Amino acid sequence: MDYLSSVKSALGIVGEYQDATLTEYINAVIAFLSDCGIQNAPQDIVNRGVADLWNFGAGSGTFSEYFKMRTIQLSYKG
């Protein structure tokens, strides 16, 4: 799965300048989901998690309630 291209498209990011940062965020989200028992994370939930981390400069630095609820749902679905 090409998470990076999808995340960049979802966030409206062009070029390669932020690729390293976004890749770190993608890896963090995938690791979080994996630790919750979710393998092969759906693209939309990875995008949401990365968007939450990307927007941490707005003050929160946490995953959104939506991301947390979807993670719980997916962990039960597993």
Protein backbone atom coordinates (compact mmCIF):
# COMPACT_ATOMS: atom_id res chain seq x y z
CA MET A 1 0.00 0.00 0.00
CA ASP A 2 1.28 3.45 -0.87
CA TYR A 3 0.33 5.23 2.32
CA LEU A 4 2.56 8.24 1.60
CA SER A 5 0.86 9.23 -1.67
CA SER A 6 -2.58 8.84 -0.15
CA VAL A 7 -1.70 10.84 2.97
CA LYS A 8 -0.19 13.63 0.88
CA SER A 9 -3.27 13.75 -1.31
CA ALA A 10 -5.59 13.82 1.72
CA LEU A 11 -3.60 16.64 3.32
CA GLY A 12 -3.14 18.58 0.07
CA ILE A 13 0.66 18.33 0.23
CA VAL A 14 2.68 18.44 -2.99
CA GLY A 15 6.36 17.89 -3.56
CA GLU A 16 8.76 15.81 -1.50
CA TYR A 17 9.84 18.30 1.16
CA GLN A 18 7.67 16.79 3.94
CA ASP A 19 8.06 13.13 2.91
CA ALA A 20 10.39 12.19 5.78
CA THR A 21 8.11 13.74 8.41
CA LEU A 22 4.99 12.21 6.93
CA THR A 23 6.68 8.81 6.72
CA GLU A 24 7.50 9.02 10.44
CA TYR A 25 3.88 9.90 11.21
CA ILE A 26 2.64 7.04 9.01
CA ASN A 27 4.95 4.62 10.82
CA ALA A 28 3.77 5.91 14.21
CA VAL A 29 0.10 5.48 13.26
CA ILE A 30 0.68 1.99 11.84
CA ALA A 31 2.62 1.00 14.99
CA PHE A 32 -0.19 2.36 17.19
CA LEU A 33 -2.79 0.41 15.23
CA SER A 34 -0.64 -2.72 15.25
CA ASP A 35 -0.26 -2.48 19.03
CA CYS A 36 -4.07 -2.40 19.18
CA GLY A 37 -4.19 -5.63 17.18
CA ILE A 38 -5.02 -4.05 13.83
CA GLN A 39 -2.99 -5.45 10.94
CA ASN A 40 -3.18 -4.13 7.38
CA ALA A 41 -4.67 -0.84 8.54
CA PRO A 42 -7.28 0.67 6.22
CA GLN A 43 -5.99 3.65 4.25
CA ASP A 44 -8.68 6.01 5.56
CA ILE A 45 -7.82 5.38 9.21
CA VAL A 46 -4.10 5.83 8.54
CA ASN A 47 -4.87 9.10 6.76
CA ARG A 48 -6.97 10.24 9.73
CA GLY A 49 -4.29 9.36 12.26
CA VAL A 50 -1.58 11.13 10.26
CA ALA A 51 -3.81 14.18 9.86
CA ASP A 52 -4.25 14.28 13.63
CA LEU A 53 -0.48 14.17 14.14
CA TRP A 54 0.15 16.63 11.30
CA ASN A 55 -2.20 19.14 12.90
CA PHE A 56 -0.66 18.82 16.36
CA GLY A 57 0.75 22.33 15.96
CA ALA A 58 -2.75 23.58 16.62
CA GLY A 59 -2.20 22.68 20.25
CA SER A 60 -3.52 19.22 21.02
CA GLY A 61 -0.89 16.74 19.81
CA THR A 62 -3.34 13.87 20.32
CA PHE A 63 -5.42 11.58 18.19
CA SER A 64 -8.96 12.77 17.55
CA GLU A 65 -11.97 11.14 19.15
CA TYR A 66 -12.98 9.82 15.73
CA PHE A 67 -9.61 8.11 15.26
CA LYS A 68 -9.83 6.55 18.72
CA MET A 69 -13.38 5.28 18.13
CA ARG A 70 -12.44 3.77 14.76
CA THR A 71 -9.39 2.13 16.33
CA ILE A 72 -11.58 0.51 18.99
CA GLN A 73 -14.08 -0.63 16.37
CA LEU A 74 -11.38 -2.12 14.18
CA SER A 75 -9.70 -3.86 17.11
CA TYR A 76 -12.97 -5.64 17.94
CA LYS A 77 -13.59 -6.46 14.30
CA GLY A 78 -10.11 -8.02 13.92
